[in-house]
Amino acid sequence: MSAKKSLNLKPLEDRIVVEPLEAEEKTSGGIFLPDSAKEKPQRGTVVAAGAGRLLDNGKLAEMNVAVGDEVIYGKYSGSDVEVDGVQYKILRESDVLAKVVKA
């Protein structure tokens, strides 16, 4: 987590808080992009996770993502929030498309 102090958000149920990665500053060809041309990142690091979704039988479903995981999520998924000057995205676990596995 890039924030210097602990995060003051506790997501509920199957929600997670993600700190998005910075948008690319330049293209693969070396062209620098102005702020208006940068795409919103669809990748970030999980900084907080809820306990899990409540199942019909009253038990909690285990979360597939954990704090510290790098994830890829849908372009228009979740809600953007700002806490202590840092941008976060709150998503449902089902909005996560994939976990990034580093070899």
N, C-alpha and C. Protein backbone atom coordinates (compact mmCIF):
# COMPACT_ATOMS: atom_id res chain seq x y z
N MET A 1 0.84 -1.16 0.00
CA MET A 1 0.00 0.00 0.00
C MET A 1 0.89 1.23 0.00
N SER A 2 0.62 2.15 -0.87
CA SER A 2 1.46 3.33 -0.98
C SER A 2 1.11 4.38 0.07
N ALA A 3 -0.05 4.27 0.67
CA ALA A 3 -0.41 5.24 1.71
C ALA A 3 0.50 5.03 2.92
N LYS A 4 0.90 6.15 3.52
CA LYS A 4 1.84 6.08 4.63
C LYS A 4 1.21 5.53 5.90
N LYS A 5 -0.08 5.79 6.11
CA LYS A 5 -0.76 5.29 7.30
C LYS A 5 -1.78 4.23 6.92
N SER A 6 -2.35 3.58 7.92
CA SER A 6 -3.28 2.50 7.64
C SER A 6 -4.54 3.04 6.99
N LEU A 7 -5.17 2.20 6.21
CA LEU A 7 -6.38 2.57 5.49
C LEU A 7 -7.56 2.59 6.44
N ASN A 8 -8.35 3.63 6.41
CA ASN A 8 -9.50 3.78 7.29
C ASN A 8 -10.78 3.28 6.65
N LEU A 9 -10.70 2.29 5.80
CA LEU A 9 -11.87 1.69 5.16
C LEU A 9 -11.91 0.21 5.50
N LYS A 10 -13.08 -0.29 5.83
CA LYS A 10 -13.28 -1.72 6.05
C LYS A 10 -14.41 -2.15 5.13
N PRO A 11 -14.08 -2.82 4.02
CA PRO A 11 -15.12 -3.23 3.08
C PRO A 11 -16.03 -4.30 3.70
N LEU A 12 -17.28 -4.29 3.31
CA LEU A 12 -18.26 -5.23 3.82
C LEU A 12 -18.45 -6.40 2.86
N GLU A 13 -18.84 -7.53 3.42
CA GLU A 13 -19.16 -8.75 2.69
C GLU A 13 -18.09 -9.11 1.66
N ASP A 14 -18.46 -9.19 0.38
CA ASP A 14 -17.51 -9.64 -0.66
C ASP A 14 -16.89 -8.47 -1.42
N ARG A 15 -16.82 -7.32 -0.79
CA ARG A 15 -16.21 -6.16 -1.44
C ARG A 15 -14.73 -6.07 -1.10
N ILE A 16 -13.99 -5.45 -2.02
CA ILE A 16 -12.56 -5.23 -1.81
C ILE A 16 -12.24 -3.78 -2.14
N VAL A 17 -11.17 -3.26 -1.55
CA VAL A 17 -10.67 -1.92 -1.85
C VAL A 17 -9.37 -2.10 -2.62
N VAL A 18 -9.30 -1.48 -3.79
CA VAL A 18 -8.14 -1.61 -4.68
C VAL A 18 -7.51 -0.25 -4.88
N GLU A 19 -6.18 -0.21 -4.80
CA GLU A 19 -5.45 1.00 -5.14
C GLU A 19 -4.99 0.84 -6.59
N PRO A 20 -5.60 1.59 -7.52
CA PRO A 20 -5.25 1.44 -8.94
C PRO A 20 -3.80 1.81 -9.21
N LEU A 21 -3.21 1.13 -10.18
CA LEU A 21 -1.87 1.49 -10.63
C LEU A 21 -1.95 2.79 -11.40
N GLU A 22 -0.85 3.49 -11.49
CA GLU A 22 -0.82 4.76 -12.22
C GLU A 22 -1.04 4.51 -13.72
N ALA A 23 -1.70 5.45 -14.38
CA ALA A 23 -1.90 5.36 -15.83
C ALA A 23 -0.56 5.49 -16.53
N GLU A 24 -0.43 4.86 -17.66
CA GLU A 24 0.81 4.90 -18.43
C GLU A 24 1.12 6.33 -18.86
N GLU A 25 2.37 6.73 -18.66
CA GLU A 25 2.81 8.07 -19.03
C GLU A 25 3.15 8.17 -20.51
N LYS A 26 3.60 7.05 -21.10
CA LYS A 26 3.96 7.08 -22.52
C LYS A 26 3.59 5.76 -23.17
N THR A 27 3.49 5.78 -24.48
CA THR A 27 3.14 4.58 -25.23
C THR A 27 4.36 3.67 -25.36
N SER A 28 4.14 2.46 -25.85
CA SER A 28 5.27 1.53 -26.04
C SER A 28 6.24 2.06 -27.08
N GLY A 29 5.78 2.97 -27.95
CA GLY A 29 6.65 3.58 -28.95
C GLY A 29 7.42 4.79 -28.43
N GLY A 30 7.17 5.17 -27.16
CA GLY A 30 7.92 6.27 -26.57
C GLY A 30 7.24 7.62 -26.64
N ILE A 31 5.98 7.68 -27.09
CA ILE A 31 5.27 8.95 -27.17
C ILE A 31 4.63 9.25 -25.82
N PHE A 32 4.89 10.44 -25.27
CA PHE A 32 4.32 10.84 -23.99
C PHE A 32 2.86 11.23 -24.18
N LEU A 33 2.01 10.79 -23.27
CA LEU A 33 0.58 11.03 -23.36
C LEU A 33 0.16 12.19 -22.45
N PRO A 34 -0.68 13.09 -22.96
CA PRO A 34 -1.24 14.13 -22.07
C PRO A 34 -2.27 13.49 -21.14
N ASP A 35 -2.61 14.16 -20.05
CA ASP A 35 -3.57 13.61 -19.09
C ASP A 35 -4.89 13.22 -19.72
N SER A 36 -5.36 13.99 -20.70
CA SER A 36 -6.65 13.72 -21.33
C SER A 36 -6.62 12.45 -22.18
N ALA A 37 -5.47 11.98 -22.59
CA ALA A 37 -5.37 10.79 -23.44
C ALA A 37 -5.07 9.52 -22.66
N LYS A 38 -4.78 9.65 -21.38
CA LYS A 38 -4.45 8.47 -20.58
C LYS A 38 -5.71 7.67 -20.30
N GLU A 39 -5.61 6.36 -20.42
CA GLU A 39 -6.73 5.48 -20.11
C GLU A 39 -6.75 5.19 -18.62
N LYS A 40 -7.96 5.02 -18.08
CA LYS A 40 -8.07 4.67 -16.68
C LYS A 40 -7.44 3.29 -16.48
N PRO A 41 -6.66 3.11 -15.43
CA PRO A 41 -6.06 1.79 -15.21
C PRO A 41 -7.13 0.77 -14.85
N GLN A 42 -6.91 -0.46 -15.28
CA GLN A 42 -7.81 -1.56 -14.96
C GLN A 42 -7.08 -2.59 -14.12
N ARG A 43 -6.05 -2.14 -13.46
CA ARG A 43 -5.20 -3.04 -12.69
C ARG A 43 -4.81 -2.33 -11.40
N GLY A 44 -4.76 -3.07 -10.32
CA GLY A 44 -4.41 -2.46 -9.05
C GLY A 44 -4.09 -3.49 -7.99
N THR A 45 -3.76 -3.00 -6.81
CA THR A 45 -3.39 -3.84 -5.68
C THR A 45 -4.49 -3.80 -4.63
N VAL A 46 -4.89 -4.97 -4.14
CA VAL A 46 -5.91 -5.06 -3.10
C VAL A 46 -5.30 -4.57 -1.79
N VAL A 47 -5.92 -3.57 -1.17
CA VAL A 47 -5.42 -3.02 0.09
C VAL A 47 -6.33 -3.36 1.27
N ALA A 48 -7.55 -3.83 1.00
CA ALA A 48 -8.45 -4.28 2.06
C ALA A 48 -9.49 -5.21 1.43
N ALA A 49 -9.94 -6.19 2.22
CA ALA A 49 -10.93 -7.15 1.73
C ALA A 49 -11.94 -7.44 2.83
N GLY A 50 -13.20 -7.62 2.43
CA GLY A 50 -14.24 -7.97 3.38
C GLY A 50 -14.13 -9.43 3.80
N ALA A 51 -15.06 -9.85 4.64
CA ALA A 51 -15.02 -11.21 5.19
C ALA A 51 -15.49 -12.26 4.19
N GLY A 52 -16.30 -11.88 3.24
CA GLY A 52 -16.81 -12.83 2.25
C GLY A 52 -18.32 -12.71 2.12
N ARG A 53 -18.84 -13.30 1.06
CA ARG A 53 -20.28 -13.24 0.78
C ARG A 53 -21.01 -14.24 1.67
N LEU A 54 -22.16 -13.84 2.20
CA LEU A 54 -22.97 -14.70 3.04
C LEU A 54 -23.78 -15.64 2.15
N LEU A 55 -23.61 -16.93 2.36
CA LEU A 55 -24.33 -17.94 1.57
C LEU A 55 -25.72 -18.19 2.16
N ASP A 56 -26.57 -18.87 1.40
CA ASP A 56 -27.93 -19.17 1.85
C ASP A 56 -27.95 -20.01 3.13
N ASN A 57 -26.92 -20.83 3.34
CA ASN A 57 -26.88 -21.69 4.53
C ASN A 57 -26.33 -20.95 5.75
N GLY A 58 -26.04 -19.66 5.61
CA GLY A 58 -25.56 -18.86 6.73
C GLY A 58 -24.05 -18.81 6.90
N LYS A 59 -23.32 -19.55 6.07
CA LYS A 59 -21.86 -19.55 6.16
C LYS A 59 -21.29 -18.49 5.22
N LEU A 60 -20.04 -18.09 5.47
CA LEU A 60 -19.36 -17.13 4.61
C LEU A 60 -18.59 -17.86 3.52
N ALA A 61 -18.72 -17.40 2.29
CA ALA A 61 -17.93 -17.94 1.19
C ALA A 61 -16.52 -17.39 1.30
N GLU A 62 -15.53 -18.23 1.09
CA GLU A 62 -14.14 -17.81 1.17
C GLU A 62 -13.81 -16.87 0.02
N MET A 63 -13.06 -15.80 0.33
CA MET A 63 -12.66 -14.85 -0.70
C MET A 63 -11.54 -15.44 -1.54
N ASN A 64 -11.56 -15.17 -2.84
CA ASN A 64 -10.52 -15.66 -3.75
C ASN A 64 -9.36 -14.68 -3.88
N VAL A 65 -9.54 -13.48 -3.37
CA VAL A 65 -8.46 -12.48 -3.40
C VAL A 65 -8.14 -12.07 -1.97
N ALA A 66 -6.90 -11.65 -1.75
CA ALA A 66 -6.45 -11.24 -0.42
C ALA A 66 -5.67 -9.94 -0.53
N VAL A 67 -5.46 -9.31 0.60
CA VAL A 67 -4.68 -8.08 0.64
C VAL A 67 -3.29 -8.35 0.07
N GLY A 68 -2.85 -7.48 -0.83
CA GLY A 68 -1.54 -7.63 -1.46
C GLY A 68 -1.61 -8.22 -2.86
N ASP A 69 -2.74 -8.85 -3.23
CA ASP A 69 -2.89 -9.41 -4.57
C ASP A 69 -3.00 -8.29 -5.59
N GLU A 70 -2.40 -8.50 -6.76
CA GLU A 70 -2.57 -7.57 -7.87
C GLU A 70 -3.68 -8.14 -8.75
N VAL A 71 -4.68 -7.33 -9.06
CA VAL A 71 -5.85 -7.81 -9.79
C VAL A 71 -6.13 -6.95 -11.02
N ILE A 72 -6.87 -7.55 -11.95
CA ILE A 72 -7.37 -6.85 -13.13
C ILE A 72 -8.89 -6.84 -13.02
N TYR A 73 -9.49 -5.68 -13.24
CA TYR A 73 -10.93 -5.54 -13.09
C TYR A 73 -11.52 -4.85 -14.31
N GLY A 74 -12.83 -4.89 -14.44
CA GLY A 74 -13.52 -4.28 -15.57
C GLY A 74 -13.34 -2.77 -15.61
N LYS A 75 -13.36 -2.22 -16.80
CA LYS A 75 -13.10 -0.80 -17.02
C LYS A 75 -14.07 0.11 -16.24
N TYR A 76 -15.32 -0.25 -16.18
CA TYR A 76 -16.33 0.60 -15.53
C TYR A 76 -16.83 -0.02 -14.22
N SER A 77 -16.07 -0.91 -13.63
CA SER A 77 -16.48 -1.59 -12.41
C SER A 77 -16.24 -0.74 -11.18
N GLY A 78 -17.05 -0.97 -10.16
CA GLY A 78 -16.83 -0.40 -8.85
C GLY A 78 -17.09 1.09 -8.73
N SER A 79 -16.76 1.60 -7.55
CA SER A 79 -16.95 3.01 -7.23
C SER A 79 -15.62 3.63 -6.85
N ASP A 80 -15.36 4.83 -7.35
CA ASP A 80 -14.13 5.54 -7.03
C ASP A 80 -14.34 6.34 -5.76
N VAL A 81 -13.38 6.24 -4.84
CA VAL A 81 -13.41 7.03 -3.61
C VAL A 81 -12.03 7.60 -3.36
N GLU A 82 -11.99 8.70 -2.60
CA GLU A 82 -10.71 9.29 -2.23
C GLU A 82 -10.64 9.36 -0.71
N VAL A 83 -9.56 8.81 -0.15
CA VAL A 83 -9.35 8.82 1.30
C VAL A 83 -7.96 9.39 1.56
N ASP A 84 -7.89 10.45 2.32
CA ASP A 84 -6.62 11.09 2.67
C ASP A 84 -5.79 11.43 1.43
N GLY A 85 -6.46 11.87 0.35
CA GLY A 85 -5.77 12.28 -0.87
C GLY A 85 -5.35 11.15 -1.78
N VAL A 86 -5.70 9.90 -1.44
CA VAL A 86 -5.34 8.74 -2.26
C VAL A 86 -6.60 8.19 -2.91
N GLN A 87 -6.53 7.92 -4.21
CA GLN A 87 -7.67 7.37 -4.95
C GLN A 87 -7.74 5.86 -4.76
N TYR A 88 -8.93 5.35 -4.46
CA TYR A 88 -9.17 3.92 -4.34
C TYR A 88 -10.40 3.57 -5.16
N LYS A 89 -10.57 2.29 -5.40
CA LYS A 89 -11.75 1.77 -6.08
C LYS A 89 -12.32 0.67 -5.20
N ILE A 90 -13.63 0.74 -4.93
CA ILE A 90 -14.30 -0.31 -4.16
C ILE A 90 -15.08 -1.17 -5.14
N LEU A 91 -14.76 -2.46 -5.13
CA LEU A 91 -15.35 -3.42 -6.08
C LEU A 91 -15.95 -4.60 -5.33
N ARG A 92 -16.86 -5.29 -5.97
CA ARG A 92 -17.29 -6.60 -5.50
C ARG A 92 -16.24 -7.60 -6.00
N GLU A 93 -16.08 -8.67 -5.27
CA GLU A 93 -15.11 -9.68 -5.70
C GLU A 93 -15.45 -10.20 -7.10
N SER A 94 -16.73 -10.25 -7.43
CA SER A 94 -17.14 -10.74 -8.76
C SER A 94 -16.75 -9.80 -9.89
N ASP A 95 -16.38 -8.54 -9.57
CA ASP A 95 -15.93 -7.58 -10.59
C ASP A 95 -14.47 -7.83 -10.99
N VAL A 96 -13.76 -8.64 -10.20
CA VAL A 96 -12.37 -8.94 -10.50
C VAL A 96 -12.35 -9.98 -11.62
N LEU A 97 -11.62 -9.65 -12.68
CA LEU A 97 -11.53 -10.55 -13.83
C LEU A 97 -10.42 -11.58 -13.67
N ALA A 98 -9.30 -11.16 -13.02
CA ALA A 98 -8.16 -12.07 -12.88
C ALA A 98 -7.21 -11.56 -11.81
N LYS A 99 -6.46 -12.49 -11.24
CA LYS A 99 -5.35 -12.13 -10.35
C LYS A 99 -4.08 -12.23 -11.18
N VAL A 100 -3.16 -11.30 -10.98
CA VAL A 100 -1.89 -11.33 -11.69
C VAL A 100 -0.94 -12.24 -10.91
N VAL A 101 -0.47 -13.28 -11.58
CA VAL A 101 0.44 -14.24 -10.95
C VAL A 101 1.84 -13.96 -11.47
N LYS A 102 2.73 -13.68 -10.58
CA LYS A 102 4.12 -13.39 -10.97
C LYS A 102 4.92 -14.66 -10.91
N ALA A 103 5.56 -15.00 -12.01
CA ALA A 103 6.32 -16.24 -12.09
C ALA A 103 7.68 -16.15 -11.46
